[in-house]
Amino acid sequence: MIRIGKIVATHGLNGSLILTHVVGNSQWLKKEHVLHVEMQKGSYIPYFISQCKANNPKEYLINIENIDKVESAKKLVTKHVYVDESILADYAKQSPLLWIGFNVTDKKNGALGTIDDVMQTGNQWLARLTYKNTEVLIPLIDQTIEKLDLKSKTLYVNLPEGLLEVYLDA
């Protein structure tokens, strides 16, 4: 599963919810999809969408089966939402925000760690991770990315010579 966002608020009295997401496109979510809501750390409950409408490129208004009162909906507010990676196969390569939690493996150095965060600086994305107890930033550009494996949640990279040493020697 890939984390796509979180439920930020209720809407109205019929149990509608506002879901913010990091996919970067407002056409991916469909009525037949299942959202997995992280109720507690590592505990995911599947919810079936009965209705969804894009409010803007970063937000959906959704209704979930069997939740038809605002009191029931409030229990889901602030919870992280995940979907099956097959739903986002076309979008995951376009949005590094979906790579948070992926493992990074370098061609020369092997396993580096897990992506803690991604950020955009100008036109370039950077991944923040902890390597040998040191926070490092690696560029997420075509020249460094070798392969993205959604099933294993692994990003394979070929980092420039000396990039990691800059952080470790500091």
Protein backbone atom coordinates (compact mmCIF):
# COMPACT_ATOMS: atom_id res chain seq x y z
CA MET A 1 0.00 0.00 0.00
CA ILE A 2 1.04 3.57 -0.65
CA ARG A 3 0.21 6.46 1.65
CA ILE A 4 -1.64 9.08 -0.39
CA GLY A 5 -2.84 11.59 2.16
CA LYS A 6 -5.17 12.03 5.07
CA ILE A 7 -8.73 12.82 6.00
CA VAL A 8 -8.75 16.43 7.19
CA ALA A 9 -12.39 17.27 7.95
CA THR A 10 -16.01 16.30 7.79
CA HIS A 11 -18.36 18.03 5.38
CA GLY A 12 -22.03 18.51 6.08
CA LEU A 13 -24.22 16.31 8.25
CA ASN A 14 -24.41 13.16 6.10
CA GLY A 15 -20.92 11.81 6.93
CA SER A 16 -19.04 13.25 3.95
CA LEU A 17 -15.29 13.63 4.39
CA ILE A 18 -12.57 15.80 2.90
CA LEU A 19 -9.53 13.82 1.79
CA THR A 20 -6.34 15.67 0.92
CA HIS A 21 -3.84 13.79 -1.21
CA VAL A 22 -0.36 14.10 -2.69
CA VAL A 23 -0.95 12.36 -6.01
CA GLY A 24 -0.87 15.63 -7.96
CA ASN A 25 -3.80 14.70 -10.16
CA SER A 26 -7.52 14.79 -9.41
CA GLN A 27 -8.60 12.01 -11.79
CA TRP A 28 -7.22 8.90 -10.10
CA LEU A 29 -9.78 8.16 -7.36
CA LYS A 30 -12.88 6.21 -8.43
CA LYS A 31 -16.03 5.04 -6.71
CA GLU A 32 -14.97 1.37 -6.84
CA HIS A 33 -11.65 1.95 -5.04
CA VAL A 34 -10.94 0.93 -1.47
CA LEU A 35 -9.25 3.31 0.95
CA HIS A 36 -7.22 1.83 3.79
CA VAL A 37 -7.38 4.11 6.81
CA GLU A 38 -4.66 3.81 9.45
CA MET A 39 -6.71 3.85 12.64
CA GLN A 40 -3.68 3.02 14.82
CA LYS A 41 -0.01 2.67 13.89
CA GLY A 42 0.20 -0.33 11.55
CA SER A 43 -3.55 -1.09 11.72
CA TYR A 44 -5.41 -0.45 8.46
CA ILE A 45 -9.17 -0.64 8.05
CA PRO A 46 -10.59 -0.88 4.51
CA TYR A 47 -13.37 1.56 3.59
CA PHE A 48 -15.34 1.40 0.36
CA ILE A 49 -16.04 4.65 -1.45
CA SER A 50 -19.70 5.19 -2.29
CA GLN A 51 -19.18 8.61 -3.84
CA CYS A 52 -16.25 10.88 -4.64
CA LYS A 53 -15.80 14.26 -6.23
CA ALA A 54 -12.61 16.24 -6.81
CA ASN A 55 -12.75 19.67 -5.18
CA ASN A 56 -9.36 20.68 -6.59
CA PRO A 57 -6.12 18.91 -7.66
CA LYS A 58 -5.22 18.16 -4.02
CA GLU A 59 -8.58 17.41 -2.42
CA TYR A 60 -11.56 15.07 -2.75
CA LEU A 61 -14.99 15.15 -1.14
CA ILE A 62 -15.82 11.50 -0.42
CA ASN A 63 -18.58 9.40 1.04
CA ILE A 64 -17.84 5.99 2.51
CA GLU A 65 -20.24 3.06 2.65
CA ASN A 66 -22.00 2.68 6.02
CA ILE A 67 -20.90 6.12 7.26
CA ASP A 68 -23.89 8.40 6.98
CA LYS A 69 -23.65 10.56 10.09
CA VAL A 70 -21.17 13.26 11.00
CA GLU A 71 -20.48 11.58 14.35
CA SER A 72 -19.22 8.42 12.62
CA ALA A 73 -17.21 10.43 10.12
CA LYS A 74 -15.41 12.43 12.83
CA LYS A 75 -13.62 9.25 13.97
CA LEU A 76 -11.72 9.23 10.66
CA VAL A 77 -10.55 12.86 10.73
CA THR A 78 -6.72 13.23 10.96
CA LYS A 79 -6.15 9.60 9.91
CA HIS A 80 -3.65 8.71 7.19
CA VAL A 81 -5.05 7.06 4.07
CA TYR A 82 -3.43 4.39 1.91
CA VAL A 83 -4.39 2.72 -1.36
CA ASP A 84 -3.19 -0.36 -3.19
CA GLU A 85 -0.16 0.42 -5.34
CA SER A 86 -1.90 -0.89 -8.47
CA ILE A 87 -4.34 2.06 -8.33
CA LEU A 88 -1.48 4.53 -8.56
CA ALA A 89 0.87 2.66 -10.88
CA ASP A 90 0.59 5.37 -13.53
CA TYR A 91 0.88 8.27 -11.09
CA ALA A 92 3.55 7.05 -8.66
CA LYS A 93 6.38 7.64 -11.10
CA GLN A 94 5.24 11.26 -11.53
CA SER A 95 4.85 12.17 -7.85
CA PRO A 96 7.83 11.68 -5.51
CA LEU A 97 5.54 12.62 -2.61
CA LEU A 98 4.19 9.08 -2.88
CA TRP A 99 7.66 7.65 -2.25
CA ILE A 100 7.76 8.54 1.45
CA GLY A 101 8.40 5.27 3.27
CA PHE A 102 10.14 3.64 0.28
CA ASN A 103 13.55 2.01 0.78
CA VAL A 104 16.45 3.44 -1.22
CA THR A 105 19.11 1.16 -2.68
CA ASP A 106 22.18 2.61 -4.36
CA LYS A 107 24.04 0.75 -7.11
CA LYS A 108 27.43 1.15 -5.36
CA ASN A 109 26.55 1.49 -1.65
CA GLY A 110 23.60 -0.91 -1.37
CA ALA A 111 20.73 -0.21 1.04
CA LEU A 112 20.78 3.42 2.19
CA GLY A 113 17.63 3.70 4.27
CA THR A 114 13.99 4.71 4.10
CA ILE A 115 12.74 7.98 2.65
CA ASP A 116 11.53 10.07 5.58
CA ASP A 117 10.39 13.04 3.51
CA VAL A 118 10.58 14.57 0.04
CA MET A 119 10.81 18.23 -0.82
CA GLN A 120 10.86 20.29 -3.95
CA THR A 121 13.58 22.89 -4.51
CA GLY A 122 12.97 24.75 -7.73
CA ASN A 123 12.35 22.12 -10.38
CA GLN A 124 14.12 19.33 -8.51
CA TRP A 125 12.84 16.88 -5.90
CA LEU A 126 15.05 15.77 -2.99
CA ALA A 127 14.57 12.78 -0.72
CA ARG A 128 15.55 13.06 2.95
CA LEU A 129 16.70 9.89 4.67
CA THR A 130 19.02 8.77 7.45
CA TYR A 131 22.17 6.99 6.30
CA LYS A 132 24.70 5.81 8.92
CA ASN A 133 23.02 7.99 11.56
CA THR A 134 23.36 11.08 9.35
CA GLU A 135 20.56 12.93 7.57
CA VAL A 136 21.25 13.04 3.82
CA LEU A 137 19.46 14.56 0.86
CA ILE A 138 19.54 12.76 -2.46
CA PRO A 139 18.36 14.20 -5.76
CA LEU A 140 15.35 12.52 -7.35
CA ILE A 141 16.22 13.18 -10.96
CA ASP A 142 16.30 11.01 -14.09
CA GLN A 143 20.10 10.85 -13.96
CA THR A 144 20.12 9.21 -10.50
CA ILE A 145 16.93 7.10 -10.57
CA GLU A 146 17.46 3.65 -12.04
CA LYS A 147 14.17 1.94 -11.15
CA LEU A 148 11.07 2.37 -9.00
CA ASP A 149 9.55 -0.88 -7.70
CA LEU A 150 6.09 -0.20 -6.29
CA LYS A 151 5.50 -3.78 -5.09
CA SER A 152 8.60 -3.86 -2.89
CA LYS A 153 8.45 -0.10 -2.17
CA THR A 154 12.06 0.29 -3.30
CA LEU A 155 13.73 3.10 -5.19
CA TYR A 156 16.92 2.02 -6.96
CA VAL A 157 19.41 4.84 -7.56
CA ASN A 158 22.89 5.39 -8.95
CA LEU A 159 24.22 8.31 -6.93
CA PRO A 160 27.06 10.54 -8.11
CA GLU A 161 30.50 9.59 -6.79
CA GLY A 162 31.20 11.21 -3.42
CA LEU A 163 27.66 12.47 -2.69
CA LEU A 164 27.21 10.44 0.51
CA GLU A 165 30.75 11.18 1.67
CA VAL A 166 29.97 14.92 1.67
CA TYR A 167 27.44 14.28 4.45
CA LEU A 168 29.51 11.73 6.36
CA ASP A 169 32.66 13.88 6.38
CA ALA A 170 30.85 17.02 7.59
